[in-house]
Amino acid sequence: MSQTRRFGRWAVAGAVLGAAIGGVAFAPAAWLAAGVAQATGGKLLLADARGTVWSGSAVTVLAGGRDSQDAVALPGRLAWTVGLGGGGLELHAAQACCLSGEPRLRLALGLNRWRLELTPSAGSAGNVIGHWPAAWLAGLGTPWNTMQLEGDLRLASPGLVLEAVQGRLQLAGSAVVDLQQLASRLSTLPVLGSYRMQLASPAGSDAAPRLTMTTVDGALRVSGSGEWLATGLRFRGEASAAPGSETALSNLLNIIGRRQGARSLIAIG
C-alpha cells in the first residue's frame, strides 16, 4: 500500500472520529429533554430546551403523560451543567423559583445495575433540596387537576443513594417531603392541613425502601405506608375528616380514594 493511500485512510478515520467527538460535545439539549420524557413516561418534560446536553436550560413541566392535555410549567428556567465525576455523570442544577442552591445528581451505570445519588447544595439550610408550589401537581392530570391543590412542597435530604441491582432497589440515606399548608378548591376550608412523607430503608435489611405519610396538623387527616419497588410505588393509606369538618371535606374525600363510611381508602400500585 502506498504511503499516500495509507495517509488518506488515516485522514478519513480521523475525520470520522473528530465528527463523532464533536457530535457528543455539542449534542443538543433536546436530546436530554427526549431522554427525560422517555424515562418518566412523558410526566416530566424539559420544554423549550436550549444549549447542549452538557450545559443548557429548559422550562420544567409536569404533564399527565403521552397524549395528555394536562400540563403545568414552573416559572423561570431550569439551568444545568453535566460533567464526569465519581465514576459517572454528575449533574448540577439551578432554578431560582424552586431549587436551594445547586443540588447535585450523580448517575453511574453498570452491568444490570445503576446507581443514583442526590446531594444537597453545600451550605443548604436544613439540607433542603428545593420547594415547589403544590399547584404544579395539577399538570399530572387526574386526580390532581380536580383537587387543584395550593400550598408548598419541600424536599430535604442529607444525602440519598438509590441503587438498582438486577431489578432490586436498594436505598441508603433518607428523604423527607413536607406538604405545607395545603388547600383545595374542593373544600370550603381555607387550609386542609400539613403532612410529612418520609422515605428510608429499614435498618440492617435488604428490604425495599419504605415510604410513610403522617398528618402534622389540620382537619384532613391522612396516614399510610408503602414500599418503593422496582416496578414502582405500592402505597396503602386512608384519609378522614376531623370532628366537625365532615361536610366541608366530603367532596374531597370522594376524590382522594374509595369511600368506606367516613374514611377514604387510598391505594397506589
Protein backbone atom coordinates (compact mmCIF):
# COMPACT_ATOMS: atom_id res chain seq x y z
CA MET A 1 0.00 0.00 0.00
CA SER A 2 1.39 3.37 -0.97
CA GLN A 3 2.17 5.96 1.67
CA THR A 4 -0.35 8.35 0.07
CA ARG A 5 -3.20 5.80 0.28
CA ARG A 6 -2.29 4.92 3.89
CA PHE A 7 -2.30 8.60 4.81
CA GLY A 8 -5.68 9.06 3.12
CA ARG A 9 -7.27 6.29 5.17
CA TRP A 10 -5.89 7.72 8.41
CA ALA A 11 -7.23 11.12 7.40
CA VAL A 12 -10.72 9.70 6.81
CA ALA A 13 -10.62 7.81 10.14
CA GLY A 14 -9.50 10.95 11.92
CA ALA A 15 -12.28 12.98 10.33
CA VAL A 16 -14.92 10.42 11.36
CA LEU A 17 -13.56 10.28 14.92
CA GLY A 18 -13.45 14.06 15.13
CA ALA A 19 -17.02 14.32 13.89
CA ALA A 20 -18.15 11.76 16.48
CA ILE A 21 -16.41 13.59 19.31
CA GLY A 22 -17.79 16.90 18.10
CA GLY A 23 -21.28 15.42 17.90
CA VAL A 24 -21.07 14.29 21.53
CA ALA A 25 -19.52 17.53 22.73
CA PHE A 26 -22.19 19.64 21.06
CA ALA A 27 -25.14 17.25 21.50
CA PRO A 28 -28.24 19.48 21.64
CA ALA A 29 -30.17 19.91 24.88
CA ALA A 30 -33.20 18.45 23.08
CA TRP A 31 -31.52 15.03 23.35
CA LEU A 32 -31.54 15.29 27.13
CA ALA A 33 -35.15 16.50 27.06
CA ALA A 34 -36.13 13.48 24.98
CA GLY A 35 -34.36 11.13 27.40
CA VAL A 36 -36.11 12.63 30.43
CA ALA A 37 -39.51 12.40 28.74
CA GLN A 38 -38.86 8.76 27.81
CA ALA A 39 -37.67 7.82 31.30
CA THR A 40 -40.69 9.42 33.02
CA GLY A 41 -43.35 8.28 30.61
CA GLY A 42 -43.95 11.84 29.48
CA LYS A 43 -44.75 13.07 33.00
CA LEU A 44 -41.67 15.30 33.42
CA LEU A 45 -40.82 17.46 30.42
CA LEU A 46 -37.94 19.82 29.68
CA ALA A 47 -39.73 22.18 27.30
CA ASP A 48 -38.03 24.74 25.05
CA ALA A 49 -34.64 23.10 25.76
CA ARG A 50 -31.68 25.30 24.76
CA GLY A 51 -27.93 24.79 24.70
CA THR A 52 -26.35 21.35 24.86
CA VAL A 53 -26.70 18.17 26.87
CA TRP A 54 -23.69 19.33 28.89
CA SER A 55 -24.77 22.92 29.54
CA GLY A 56 -28.30 24.06 28.87
CA SER A 57 -31.63 25.24 30.18
CA ALA A 58 -35.32 24.45 29.79
CA VAL A 59 -38.79 25.12 31.18
CA THR A 60 -39.77 22.40 33.68
CA VAL A 61 -43.24 20.94 33.04
CA LEU A 62 -45.32 18.28 34.75
CA ALA A 63 -47.74 16.54 32.40
CA GLY A 64 -50.23 13.72 32.51
CA GLY A 65 -48.20 11.51 30.21
CA ARG A 66 -48.18 10.90 26.49
CA ASP A 67 -51.17 12.37 24.63
CA SER A 68 -52.38 14.10 27.81
CA GLN A 69 -53.86 17.59 27.60
CA ASP A 70 -52.79 18.44 31.16
CA ALA A 71 -49.52 20.32 31.69
CA VAL A 72 -48.27 22.90 34.20
CA ALA A 73 -44.92 24.70 33.91
CA LEU A 74 -42.80 26.17 36.69
CA PRO A 75 -41.85 29.86 36.43
CA GLY A 76 -38.43 30.69 35.01
CA ARG A 77 -35.97 28.23 33.56
CA LEU A 78 -34.04 25.26 34.93
CA ALA A 79 -30.31 25.53 34.13
CA TRP A 80 -27.91 22.58 34.27
CA THR A 81 -24.34 21.51 33.70
CA VAL A 82 -23.29 17.89 33.23
CA GLY A 83 -19.77 16.52 33.58
CA LEU A 84 -17.85 13.43 34.60
CA GLY A 85 -17.30 12.80 38.29
CA GLY A 86 -17.26 9.97 40.82
CA GLY A 87 -17.25 7.27 38.18
CA GLY A 88 -20.34 8.54 36.41
CA LEU A 89 -22.21 11.53 35.10
CA GLU A 90 -22.67 14.41 37.52
CA LEU A 91 -25.43 16.99 37.05
CA HIS A 92 -25.64 20.34 38.82
CA ALA A 93 -28.96 22.18 38.52
CA ALA A 94 -30.20 25.65 39.43
CA GLN A 95 -33.66 27.24 39.28
CA ALA A 96 -34.41 30.49 41.08
CA CYS A 97 -38.02 29.66 41.89
CA CYS A 98 -37.57 26.24 43.35
CA LEU A 99 -34.08 24.84 43.98
CA SER A 100 -31.95 25.62 47.01
CA GLY A 101 -28.52 26.49 45.59
CA GLU A 102 -27.25 23.89 43.13
CA PRO A 103 -28.06 20.35 44.29
CA ARG A 104 -26.07 17.57 42.65
CA LEU A 105 -27.36 14.42 40.97
CA ARG A 106 -24.86 11.69 40.06
CA LEU A 107 -25.67 8.71 37.83
CA ALA A 108 -23.42 5.66 37.45
CA LEU A 109 -24.30 2.76 35.13
CA GLY A 110 -23.00 -0.80 35.26
CA LEU A 111 -23.89 -4.29 34.08
CA ASN A 112 -27.50 -4.97 35.18
CA ARG A 113 -27.29 -2.15 37.68
CA TRP A 114 -27.46 1.60 38.10
CA ARG A 115 -26.80 4.00 40.98
CA LEU A 116 -28.38 7.42 41.50
CA GLU A 117 -27.04 9.76 44.19
CA LEU A 118 -28.73 13.01 45.28
CA THR A 119 -26.78 15.53 47.38
CA PRO A 120 -27.98 18.93 48.63
CA SER A 121 -26.13 22.10 47.74
CA ALA A 122 -23.23 22.93 50.05
CA GLY A 123 -24.44 25.14 52.89
CA SER A 124 -28.13 24.46 52.24
CA ALA A 125 -30.05 25.23 55.45
CA GLY A 126 -31.73 22.10 56.76
CA ASN A 127 -30.42 20.07 53.80
CA VAL A 128 -33.27 21.44 51.70
CA ILE A 129 -33.07 20.34 48.07
CA GLY A 130 -35.92 22.53 46.87
CA HIS A 131 -39.52 23.61 47.24
CA TRP A 132 -42.31 23.67 44.67
CA PRO A 133 -45.89 25.01 44.51
CA ALA A 134 -48.47 22.28 45.12
CA ALA A 135 -50.41 23.69 42.15
CA TRP A 136 -47.68 22.19 39.92
CA LEU A 137 -49.16 18.73 40.60
CA ALA A 138 -52.26 19.62 38.57
CA GLY A 139 -50.17 19.00 35.46
CA LEU A 140 -50.19 15.26 36.24
CA GLY A 141 -53.89 15.04 35.43
CA THR A 142 -56.42 13.03 37.45
CA PRO A 143 -56.96 13.37 40.40
CA TRP A 144 -54.58 16.32 40.86
CA ASN A 145 -56.26 18.53 38.25
CA THR A 146 -59.58 18.02 40.04
CA MET A 147 -58.21 18.63 43.54
CA GLN A 148 -56.47 21.88 42.45
CA LEU A 149 -54.12 21.94 45.43
CA GLU A 150 -52.47 25.05 46.79
CA GLY A 151 -49.62 25.20 49.26
CA ASP A 152 -45.95 24.28 49.23
CA LEU A 153 -43.97 21.06 48.74
CA ARG A 154 -40.48 20.93 50.27
CA LEU A 155 -37.88 18.20 49.77
CA ALA A 156 -35.00 17.80 52.20
CA SER A 157 -32.30 15.13 52.42
CA PRO A 158 -28.81 14.86 53.94
CA GLY A 159 -27.97 12.62 51.00
CA LEU A 160 -29.80 9.85 49.21
CA VAL A 161 -28.44 6.92 47.21
CA LEU A 162 -30.82 4.77 45.19
CA GLU A 163 -29.31 1.70 43.55
CA ALA A 164 -30.90 -0.97 41.36
CA VAL A 165 -29.07 -4.31 41.22
CA GLN A 166 -30.60 -6.96 38.95
CA GLY A 167 -34.04 -5.38 39.28
CA ARG A 168 -33.98 -4.94 43.07
CA LEU A 169 -33.96 -1.45 44.60
CA GLN A 170 -31.67 -0.58 47.50
CA LEU A 171 -31.68 2.71 49.37
CA ALA A 172 -29.11 4.41 51.56
CA GLY A 173 -29.87 7.65 53.34
CA SER A 174 -33.26 9.27 53.73
CA ALA A 175 -35.51 11.99 52.37
CA VAL A 176 -38.43 13.99 53.74
CA VAL A 177 -41.18 15.70 51.76
CA ASP A 178 -43.19 18.27 53.72
CA LEU A 179 -46.56 19.24 52.27
CA GLN A 180 -47.20 22.55 53.98
CA GLN A 181 -50.48 24.43 54.42
CA LEU A 182 -52.32 22.54 51.68
CA ALA A 183 -55.65 23.82 50.43
CA SER A 184 -58.07 22.62 47.75
CA ARG A 185 -60.84 24.21 45.73
CA LEU A 186 -62.98 21.16 46.55
CA SER A 187 -63.22 22.25 50.17
CA THR A 188 -64.57 25.38 51.82
CA LEU A 189 -61.83 25.17 54.46
CA PRO A 190 -59.04 27.74 53.95
CA VAL A 191 -56.41 25.13 54.87
CA LEU A 192 -56.65 21.33 54.83
CA GLY A 193 -53.51 20.75 56.86
CA SER A 194 -49.80 19.95 56.68
CA TYR A 195 -48.30 16.49 56.07
CA ARG A 196 -44.97 14.71 56.06
CA MET A 197 -43.74 11.89 53.82
CA GLN A 198 -40.54 10.04 54.79
CA LEU A 199 -38.53 7.74 52.54
CA ALA A 200 -35.98 5.42 54.18
CA SER A 201 -34.79 1.82 54.23
CA PRO A 202 -35.31 -0.43 57.26
CA ALA A 203 -32.04 -0.54 59.23
CA GLY A 204 -29.86 -3.61 58.65
CA SER A 205 -32.04 -5.19 55.97
CA ASP A 206 -32.26 -5.58 52.23
CA ALA A 207 -35.98 -4.75 52.25
CA ALA A 208 -37.41 -2.31 49.72
CA PRO A 209 -37.33 1.40 50.61
CA ARG A 210 -40.27 2.34 52.85
CA LEU A 211 -42.49 5.37 52.40
CA THR A 212 -44.63 6.62 55.30
CA MET A 213 -47.08 9.52 55.43
CA THR A 214 -48.38 11.23 58.56
CA THR A 215 -50.51 14.27 59.37
CA VAL A 216 -48.71 17.11 61.10
CA ASP A 217 -51.85 19.17 61.69
CA GLY A 218 -55.15 20.04 60.04
CA ALA A 219 -58.76 18.98 59.53
CA LEU A 220 -57.95 16.45 56.79
CA ARG A 221 -56.18 13.51 58.39
CA VAL A 222 -54.08 11.31 56.12
CA SER A 223 -51.83 8.37 57.02
CA GLY A 224 -50.33 5.39 55.25
CA SER A 225 -47.24 3.47 54.28
CA GLY A 226 -45.82 1.60 51.35
CA GLU A 227 -42.79 0.27 49.53
CA TRP A 228 -40.85 1.61 46.57
CA LEU A 229 -40.33 -1.46 44.38
CA ALA A 230 -38.51 -1.78 41.07
CA THR A 231 -41.93 -1.78 39.39
CA GLY A 232 -42.97 1.44 41.13
CA LEU A 233 -44.61 2.65 44.31
CA ARG A 234 -47.02 0.45 46.28
CA PHE A 235 -48.85 2.53 48.90
CA ARG A 236 -51.85 1.91 51.15
CA GLY A 237 -53.40 4.54 53.37
CA GLU A 238 -56.56 6.30 54.44
CA ALA A 239 -57.97 9.81 54.83
CA SER A 240 -60.68 11.09 57.14
CA ALA A 241 -62.11 14.34 58.46
CA ALA A 242 -61.56 15.72 61.93
CA PRO A 243 -64.76 16.03 64.01
CA GLY A 244 -66.79 18.98 62.77
CA SER A 245 -65.18 19.04 59.30
CA GLU A 246 -67.04 16.11 57.71
CA THR A 247 -69.32 18.21 55.49
CA ALA A 248 -66.55 20.56 54.33
CA LEU A 249 -64.34 17.63 53.34
CA SER A 250 -66.92 15.23 51.90
CA ASN A 251 -66.28 16.06 48.20
CA LEU A 252 -62.51 15.88 48.64
CA LEU A 253 -62.69 12.51 50.40
CA ASN A 254 -64.71 11.15 47.47
CA ILE A 255 -61.87 12.12 45.11
CA ILE A 256 -58.89 11.04 47.21
CA GLY A 257 -59.80 7.35 47.31
CA ARG A 258 -62.58 4.77 47.66
CA ARG A 259 -65.11 5.74 50.29
CA GLN A 260 -65.77 3.32 53.11
CA GLY A 261 -68.06 5.05 55.55
CA ALA A 262 -66.33 8.10 56.99
CA ARG A 263 -62.95 7.03 55.58
CA SER A 264 -61.43 7.27 52.13
CA LEU A 265 -59.14 4.34 51.31
CA ILE A 266 -56.03 5.19 49.26
CA ALA A 267 -54.37 2.55 47.08
CA ILE A 268 -51.46 3.23 44.71
CA GLY A 269 -49.80 0.38 42.81
